[in-house]
Structures are given as C-alpha cells and as structure tokens.
Protein backbone atom coordinates (compact mmCIF):
# COMPACT_ATOMS: atom_id res chain seq x y z
CA MET A 1 115.00 96.08 73.54
CA SER A 2 116.27 92.59 72.81
CA ALA A 3 113.33 91.56 71.28
CA ALA A 4 113.46 94.32 68.85
CA SER A 5 117.32 94.05 68.29
CA VAL A 6 117.16 90.65 67.01
CA ILE A 7 114.34 90.69 64.93
CA ARG A 8 115.93 94.22 63.03
CA TYR A 9 119.24 92.09 62.56
CA LEU A 10 117.55 88.19 61.34
CA ASP A 11 117.96 87.54 58.07
CA ARG A 12 115.69 88.06 56.21
CA ASP A 13 116.24 86.07 52.62
CA LYS A 14 116.41 83.30 55.14
CA PHE A 15 114.08 83.59 57.88
CA GLU A 16 110.32 84.56 57.92
CA ILE A 17 109.53 85.96 61.47
CA VAL A 18 106.58 85.82 63.32
CA PRO A 19 106.55 88.03 66.24
CA ILE A 20 104.97 87.02 69.53
CA GLY A 21 104.02 89.23 73.21
CA ILE A 22 103.52 88.05 76.53
CA ASP A 23 101.57 90.38 79.03
CA LYS A 24 102.46 90.33 82.57
CA ASN A 25 98.90 88.14 82.65
CA GLY A 26 101.16 85.76 80.89
CA LYS A 27 98.58 85.70 77.58
CA TRP A 28 100.79 84.95 74.24
CA HIS A 29 99.61 87.65 71.43
CA VAL A 30 100.34 86.84 67.79
CA ALA A 31 101.48 90.68 66.53
CA GLY A 32 100.79 92.26 62.86
CA PRO A 33 102.90 92.52 60.00
CA GLU A 34 103.13 96.00 60.97
CA LEU A 35 105.25 95.39 63.65
CA LEU A 36 108.59 94.03 61.65
CA GLN A 37 108.61 97.68 60.46
CA ASN A 38 108.79 98.68 64.23
CA GLN A 39 112.26 99.98 64.29
CA THR A 40 111.79 101.34 67.76
CA LYS A 41 114.13 100.29 70.77
CA SER A 42 111.53 98.26 71.57
CA LEU A 43 108.53 95.89 70.64
CA ALA A 44 104.77 96.47 72.25
CA VAL A 45 102.28 93.69 72.98
CA TYR A 46 99.43 94.26 71.22
CA ARG A 47 96.54 92.91 73.40
CA ASN A 48 93.79 93.09 70.62
CA VAL A 49 95.33 90.25 68.52
CA PRO A 50 94.57 86.54 67.87
CA GLU A 51 96.32 84.40 71.30
CA VAL A 52 98.96 82.06 70.71
CA VAL A 53 97.67 78.70 72.34
CA LEU A 54 101.12 76.29 72.96
CA PRO A 55 101.16 73.24 72.30
CA SER A 56 98.74 73.03 69.47
CA ASN A 57 95.23 70.87 69.98
CA PRO A 58 94.18 69.54 66.53
CA GLU A 59 90.54 69.61 67.79
CA ALA A 60 90.64 72.70 68.98
CA GLN A 61 88.16 75.28 66.25
CA THR A 62 88.29 78.40 68.21
CA THR A 63 88.69 80.74 66.47
CA GLY A 64 90.84 83.19 66.37
CA VAL A 65 93.31 81.81 67.81
CA VAL A 66 96.79 80.29 66.54
CA SER A 67 98.04 77.12 67.31
CA VAL A 68 102.37 76.41 67.29
CA GLY A 69 104.09 73.24 66.44
CA PRO A 70 103.45 69.93 64.79
CA GLY A 71 99.67 69.05 64.35
CA ALA A 72 98.48 72.58 64.32
CA VAL A 73 94.67 73.90 63.18
CA ALA A 74 94.14 74.69 59.58
CA GLY A 75 94.65 77.96 58.87
CA SER A 76 97.49 78.60 61.71
CA ALA A 77 100.75 79.79 61.92
CA GLN A 78 103.06 76.65 61.33
CA PHE A 79 106.87 77.44 63.48
CA ASP A 80 110.11 76.15 62.31
CA VAL A 81 111.83 77.88 64.77
CA ILE A 82 111.35 79.45 68.38
CA PHE A 83 113.71 82.44 69.60
CA PRO A 84 112.70 83.42 73.18
CA VAL A 85 114.31 86.39 73.93
CA MET A 86 113.31 86.91 77.42
CA HIS A 87 114.92 87.90 80.41
CA GLY A 88 114.12 86.59 84.06
CA THR A 89 111.89 84.38 85.94
CA PHE A 90 109.48 81.86 83.74
CA CYS A 91 112.29 82.51 81.00
CA GLU A 92 115.72 81.57 81.30
CA ASP A 93 115.15 79.43 84.77
CA GLY A 94 113.92 76.31 82.30
CA THR A 95 110.14 77.19 82.28
CA ILE A 96 109.40 78.60 78.95
CA GLN A 97 112.02 75.37 77.75
CA GLY A 98 109.75 72.74 79.40
CA LEU A 99 106.80 73.98 77.75
CA MET A 100 108.50 73.71 74.71
CA GLU A 101 109.42 70.64 74.96
CA LEU A 102 106.38 69.15 75.50
CA ALA A 103 104.99 71.41 72.28
CA ASP A 104 107.85 69.54 70.16
CA VAL A 105 108.95 72.57 68.99
CA ALA A 106 112.60 73.51 67.98
CA TYR A 107 114.10 76.55 70.03
CA VAL A 108 117.42 78.64 70.77
CA GLY A 109 119.25 78.51 73.29
CA CYS A 110 119.73 75.92 76.25
CA GLY A 111 117.82 73.33 77.43
CA VAL A 112 115.70 72.77 80.08
CA LEU A 113 118.33 71.27 82.20
CA ALA A 114 121.42 73.80 82.44
CA SER A 115 118.61 77.13 82.00
CA SER A 116 117.36 75.80 85.44
CA VAL A 117 120.85 75.18 87.12
CA GLY A 118 122.38 78.60 85.21
CA MET A 119 119.60 80.71 86.58
CA ASP A 120 120.16 79.29 90.49
CA LYS A 121 123.42 80.78 91.10
CA ASP A 122 123.46 78.37 93.83
CA ALA A 123 123.42 75.44 92.22
CA ALA A 124 125.62 77.25 89.50
CA LYS A 125 128.04 77.61 91.74
CA ARG A 126 128.32 74.04 93.15
CA LEU A 127 128.06 72.17 89.38
CA ALA A 128 130.99 74.11 88.15
CA ARG A 129 133.23 73.60 91.99
CA ASP A 130 132.68 69.91 91.08
CA ALA A 131 133.99 70.46 87.96
CA GLY A 132 137.61 72.12 89.42
CA ILE A 133 136.68 75.68 88.69
CA PRO A 134 137.08 78.13 91.41
CA VAL A 135 134.18 79.89 92.76
CA ALA A 136 134.66 82.73 95.60
CA PRO A 137 133.45 81.83 99.36
CA TYR A 138 129.49 82.06 100.10
CA LEU A 139 127.01 80.67 101.90
CA VAL A 140 122.89 79.80 101.26
CA ILE A 141 120.14 80.90 103.09
CA PRO A 142 116.87 78.45 102.53
CA GLY A 143 113.86 80.26 102.84
CA GLY A 144 112.57 78.42 105.72
CA LYS A 145 115.11 78.67 107.94
CA TRP A 146 115.80 81.91 107.82
CA GLU A 147 113.10 83.77 111.17
CA LYS A 148 114.95 81.15 113.28
CA GLY A 149 118.47 81.39 112.21
CA LYS A 150 119.14 85.64 111.80
CA SER A 151 121.69 85.18 114.42
CA GLU A 152 123.32 82.27 113.68
CA TYR A 153 124.04 83.31 109.90
CA LEU A 154 125.11 86.41 110.71
CA ARG A 155 127.63 84.80 112.51
CA ARG A 156 128.02 82.70 109.95
CA VAL A 157 128.65 85.87 107.82
CA GLU A 158 130.84 87.62 110.30
CA LYS A 159 132.92 84.72 110.94
CA GLU A 160 133.32 82.82 107.22
CA LEU A 161 133.21 85.65 104.69
CA GLY A 162 133.44 89.40 106.53
CA PHE A 163 131.94 92.95 105.42
CA PRO A 164 131.18 93.85 103.36
CA CYS A 165 129.55 91.07 101.71
CA PHE A 166 127.18 90.35 98.25
CA VAL A 167 123.43 89.72 99.55
CA LYS A 168 120.99 88.42 96.47
CA PRO A 169 118.46 86.31 95.49
CA ALA A 170 119.62 82.94 94.47
CA ASN A 171 117.11 82.79 91.56
CA SER A 172 116.83 86.68 89.64
CA GLY A 173 118.22 88.83 86.56
CA SER A 174 119.44 92.06 85.85
CA SER A 175 120.91 92.25 89.90
CA VAL A 176 116.93 92.86 90.96
CA GLY A 177 117.25 93.18 94.69
CA ILE A 178 121.25 92.52 95.63
CA HIS A 179 122.64 94.51 97.91
CA LYS A 180 126.23 95.46 98.78
CA VAL A 181 125.76 95.18 102.67
CA LYS A 182 128.49 97.14 104.84
CA SER A 183 127.67 96.58 108.16
CA PRO A 184 126.23 93.84 110.69
CA GLY A 185 123.05 96.62 111.35
CA ASP A 186 122.41 96.33 107.22
CA PHE A 187 122.21 92.67 107.12
CA GLU A 188 118.78 91.28 108.40
CA THR A 189 117.26 94.12 105.62
CA ALA A 190 119.07 93.26 102.69
CA VAL A 191 118.48 89.60 103.35
CA LYS A 192 114.34 90.22 103.28
CA ASP A 193 114.45 92.51 100.75
CA ALA A 194 116.49 89.75 98.70
CA PHE A 195 113.36 86.84 99.85
CA LYS A 196 111.17 89.40 97.97
CA TYR A 197 112.60 87.86 94.60
CA ASP A 198 112.84 84.00 95.81
CA VAL A 199 112.89 81.17 98.18
CA LYS A 200 116.78 81.06 98.64
CA VAL A 201 119.50 84.10 99.45
CA LEU A 202 122.96 84.18 98.64
CA VAL A 203 125.29 85.90 100.65
CA GLU A 204 128.94 86.49 98.76
CA LYS A 205 132.13 87.41 100.05
CA SER A 206 133.42 90.73 98.92
CA ILE A 207 135.78 90.69 96.10
CA THR A 208 138.02 93.50 94.68
CA ALA A 209 137.95 92.63 91.74
CA ARG A 210 137.04 93.23 87.22
CA GLU A 211 134.58 91.96 86.06
CA ILE A 212 135.33 90.34 82.62
CA GLU A 213 132.65 88.47 80.86
CA PHE A 214 132.94 85.45 77.50
CA SER A 215 130.30 84.78 75.03
CA VAL A 216 130.32 81.24 74.68
CA LEU A 217 128.63 79.71 71.54
CA GLU A 218 128.01 75.87 70.72
CA SER A 219 129.84 74.27 68.22
CA SER A 220 128.35 73.69 64.66
CA VAL A 221 129.82 70.71 64.70
CA TYR A 222 127.77 68.20 66.97
CA GLY A 223 130.13 66.95 70.42
CA GLU A 224 132.89 69.76 69.46
CA ALA A 225 133.99 71.46 72.03
CA PRO A 226 132.06 75.26 72.24
CA LEU A 227 133.54 78.21 70.94
CA VAL A 228 134.67 81.45 73.38
CA SER A 229 134.62 84.88 72.39
CA VAL A 230 137.42 87.17 73.20
CA ALA A 231 136.55 89.28 76.86
CA GLY A 232 134.30 91.70 77.95
CA GLU A 233 134.98 94.38 80.88
CA VAL A 234 132.54 95.97 83.06
CA THR A 235 133.39 98.94 84.80
CA PRO A 236 130.77 100.23 86.33
CA THR A 237 130.36 104.11 87.70
CA HIS A 238 128.13 102.93 90.02
CA GLU A 239 129.19 100.96 93.39
CA PHE A 240 128.45 97.96 91.55
CA TYR A 241 126.80 96.79 88.23
CA SER A 242 122.93 97.23 90.23
CA TYR A 243 119.90 97.39 88.15
CA GLU A 244 120.02 101.41 88.06
CA SER A 245 123.62 101.44 86.62
CA LYS A 246 122.18 98.82 83.93
CA TYR A 247 118.83 99.91 83.28
CA LEU A 248 118.11 103.47 84.14
CA ASP A 249 121.63 104.99 84.27
CA GLU A 250 123.27 105.16 80.36
CA ASN A 251 126.11 106.37 81.99
CA GLY A 252 126.02 103.53 84.71
CA ALA A 253 128.60 101.31 83.65
CA HIS A 254 131.57 101.08 80.34
CA LEU A 255 132.06 98.82 78.67
CA THR A 256 135.37 97.84 77.41
CA ILE A 257 135.73 94.94 74.20
CA PRO A 258 138.07 93.24 73.99
CA ALA A 259 138.69 93.81 77.54
CA LYS A 260 142.70 94.86 78.32
CA LEU A 261 144.09 91.51 79.42
CA THR A 262 147.65 89.65 79.37
CA PRO A 263 147.71 87.03 76.41
CA GLU A 264 147.56 84.44 78.97
CA GLN A 265 144.77 85.73 81.38
CA MET A 266 142.61 85.45 78.18
CA LYS A 267 143.50 82.36 77.55
CA GLU A 268 142.90 81.24 80.63
CA GLY A 269 139.59 82.96 81.65
CA GLN A 270 138.42 81.21 77.36
CA ASP A 271 139.65 78.22 78.94
CA ILE A 272 137.43 78.89 82.14
CA ALA A 273 133.90 79.66 80.53
CA ARG A 274 133.89 76.79 77.85
CA ARG A 275 134.98 74.53 81.14
CA VAL A 276 131.23 76.59 82.64
CA PHE A 277 129.69 76.01 79.63
CA GLU A 278 130.36 72.23 79.17
CA ALA A 279 130.19 71.45 83.13
CA LEU A 280 126.60 72.75 83.12
CA GLU A 281 125.50 71.04 79.85
CA CYS A 282 125.19 74.62 78.02
CA GLU A 283 123.56 74.50 74.53
CA GLY A 284 123.26 77.16 71.72
CA LEU A 285 124.18 79.94 73.84
CA SER A 286 125.69 81.30 77.06
CA ARG A 287 127.53 84.90 78.85
CA VAL A 288 129.39 83.78 81.79
CA ASP A 289 130.69 86.08 83.89
CA LEU A 290 134.21 85.56 85.84
CA PHE A 291 135.77 87.91 88.22
CA LEU A 292 139.33 88.71 88.04
CA ASP A 293 140.63 89.23 91.47
CA LYS A 294 142.74 92.44 91.66
CA ASP A 295 145.15 91.63 93.86
CA THR A 296 145.50 87.74 93.68
CA ASN A 297 145.19 88.11 89.67
CA ARG A 298 142.71 84.63 89.84
CA PHE A 299 139.81 84.89 88.17
CA TRP A 300 136.72 83.27 90.30
CA PHE A 301 132.94 81.96 88.51
CA ASN A 302 130.67 84.74 89.10
CA GLU A 303 127.39 83.46 87.13
CA ILE A 304 126.26 82.20 83.84
CA ASN A 305 123.71 83.87 81.30
CA THR A 306 121.69 81.30 79.35
CA LEU A 307 119.59 83.77 77.51
CA PRO A 308 121.75 86.92 78.06
CA GLY A 309 121.06 90.51 76.59
CA PHE A 310 120.09 90.51 73.12
CA THR A 311 120.39 94.15 71.27
CA SER A 312 122.75 95.37 69.15
CA ILE A 313 124.86 96.87 71.92
CA SER A 314 124.44 94.21 74.26
CA MET A 315 127.82 92.25 75.93
CA TYR A 316 126.91 88.95 74.32
CA PRO A 317 126.84 90.27 70.43
CA LYS A 318 129.57 92.60 70.70
CA MET A 319 132.07 89.95 72.06
CA TRP A 320 131.51 87.93 69.04
CA GLU A 321 131.40 90.80 66.32
CA ALA A 322 135.33 91.97 68.06
CA SER A 323 136.18 88.42 67.86
CA GLY A 324 134.87 88.57 63.91
CA LEU A 325 131.51 87.25 63.96
CA ALA A 326 128.87 89.60 62.09
CA TYR A 327 125.63 90.21 64.97
CA SER A 328 123.08 88.69 61.64
CA ASP A 329 125.47 86.08 61.20
CA LEU A 330 125.28 84.87 64.75
CA LEU A 331 121.79 84.69 65.13
CA THR A 332 121.53 82.48 61.70
CA LYS A 333 123.54 79.86 63.34
CA LEU A 334 121.70 80.27 66.72
CA VAL A 335 118.68 79.32 64.51
CA GLU A 336 120.58 76.41 62.86
CA LEU A 337 121.72 75.34 65.95
CA ALA A 338 118.48 75.01 66.96
CA VAL A 339 116.83 73.21 64.41
CA ALA A 340 120.32 70.85 64.36
CA ARG A 341 119.13 70.07 68.23
CA HIS A 342 115.75 69.48 67.44
CA GLU A 343 116.41 66.71 64.65
CA ARG A 344 118.59 65.12 66.99
CA LYS A 345 116.43 64.67 70.00
CA LYS A 346 113.22 63.53 67.03
CA LYS A 347 115.51 60.38 66.55
CA LEU A 348 114.97 59.01 70.76
CA SER A 349 112.36 56.35 71.33
CA ARG A 350 110.22 57.62 74.07
CA GLU A 351 108.98 54.54 74.12
CA PHE A 352 110.81 50.69 75.52
CA THR A 353 110.64 48.83 72.29
CA PRO A 354 112.34 45.28 73.17
CA ASP A 355 114.74 43.47 70.63
C-alpha cells in the first residue's frame, strides 16, 4: 500500500518510475508500465516478468534479466536511485541497505547502521539512553538464556517492572508478536510467542501514556540539524496499538494531527526526536515515537521507524503536510537527499594511497 501511494504521488515531470516487486521467495521482478496506471490501494507482485539482478554483472548475458547499477548490461534498465518502500525484516533492518551499498546504487532513507540499530529496539534504546534521552525501564531476554532462566526473569519482571508489562520481539515491526501481560501466569506464554519472531525479547514497563509521534527529515544542507514536524497523536480504540488495530480494524485508532500539546511540550518533543535521529546517525527520514506520561507529563523514547508507513494517510507524510510540506514535495526531497549522499560517498577512497 505504501509503494502504491509513493508511485502515485511522485512527480512524473521529474522522475521516470520503474516499479519492482519482491515475492515471498525473495525474487525481484520488474513490472511493466501498466502498473504505473494502477490506482488501486495496493500493488500486485507479478511473477511472469523479468527478474532483477542486483548488483549487476557486466558479463552476464542471460535473456530476460534486468541488471541494476553501474555497468548494467546492454538493453537493461539503469536506475539513478532506488526508493525502498518496504517494511519489516530484511527491509528496514539494514539488510537491503547493505545490498544497495554493495551494488553502488543510491537509495532513499537511512544507511546500514541506522537501519540496523533502529530496527533493534534494545540497541536503539541503549544508544538513546547514552545520549541522555529518557527511556522507560525495560529488560532484555536473549533467546539462549530463556529456557534455563524463566523463573529468574519472571522474578526480575515482578521486582523491576511490575504487571501489567509489555512483551515484544526486539526486531520486528507493525506490533507483530507484542503482548500486554497483565499477570505472572501469562508471562511465559507471551515470551514464547515473541520468540517466534526474533531471537531476543524485550519486556517493558507499562506506562499510562499518550502516544506522540514526530516526523524527522534530514536537512537539505549537509551538516545542518534535521527538520522535525509538528506532533501527531495515536489514540488506539483497542487496549494498545496492536497489529489488529493498525491493519485489520479500520477504526482501530484515532489520529490527531497536530497533537494537542502545549507549546513547551511540542518544543520538547521535537528536540527529543531530533536528538534520537542524530544519536542513531539517521539519514533521509525517520519517524520517532514517544510516550508522554499522563501522570508526570514526562516524555519517554519508545522507538524509531527508519522506513515508516508511506500511504497518503500515514502519520509520516500527514505530519509533514500539517507542517507545510506537501506529500509530493516530500518525496522529491527524499530522492534528492539520496542522490546527494551517494555523490558524497563516491568521493571517499576505498583503498590506501600513501602520500
């Protein structure tokens, strides 16, 4: 759905768009021009079309294969920049970004480092905490220590965090595998389910809070502080902002943009979002999600999304629209930032050259 929206709103006077889909077997397929006329909510991944090879091999002459990147074979497509509108494992965890780095192709969004640590909720929280950003209490359960340490982890949760608490995979998206655990008797089942999605599980203290989000955008002037949008607020109609409330229930949450904050709270939240973006060495874009404690009015860093949802009604573009930056202009800026970064990195030396 995000890809369909991005394709629809990219400026056709500036960009020639080539849609590529990835099937569940991991094969890349380049779609025909008819997909660009598709006005449906989501896009299909066609399998009876040429596959995409990345990186390109100048010596390859396989019929029907499209090579991408410098030195592409004759008759194939050559791209200036790739816009990875993808979510979840292998898509926003630095994996696909590493592939594009190896292929020497410009791409939109954060690089390998920020994508990787941003996806790992534990690593992101530790970096934020080291930068002096407030992080709510939590503990980590490594997969290799769970079976022998169940009773000890339960004891620690009761003592350090209390119930209810939240159990979630460290590396996952869209609230997959997240459980609100209300009693010790439900703890083991929740942890077991979270381990279906990752080898590391987080247990977080439950805070009575408002969910406040900010869109962050790298400055067009290299080295200047990133830009931060006005805040948005997510108010789930479910018990928390679960996968079901995000994707399966059309009325699963109410979105308020701008969020009803005092000028002081807005400024403080924007400052925290900017500091998180810089602490994780993000580039391009990210959405920073905070908790605003209802009892203390204190902000806590929750998580960062380095490839947030990108439909026309998603929080990231909507918050920028409310801040005066139109969706189409936002997409153009992101592409321009990707090209500028690639040009900078091309000037770096990859071998030692003594003076």
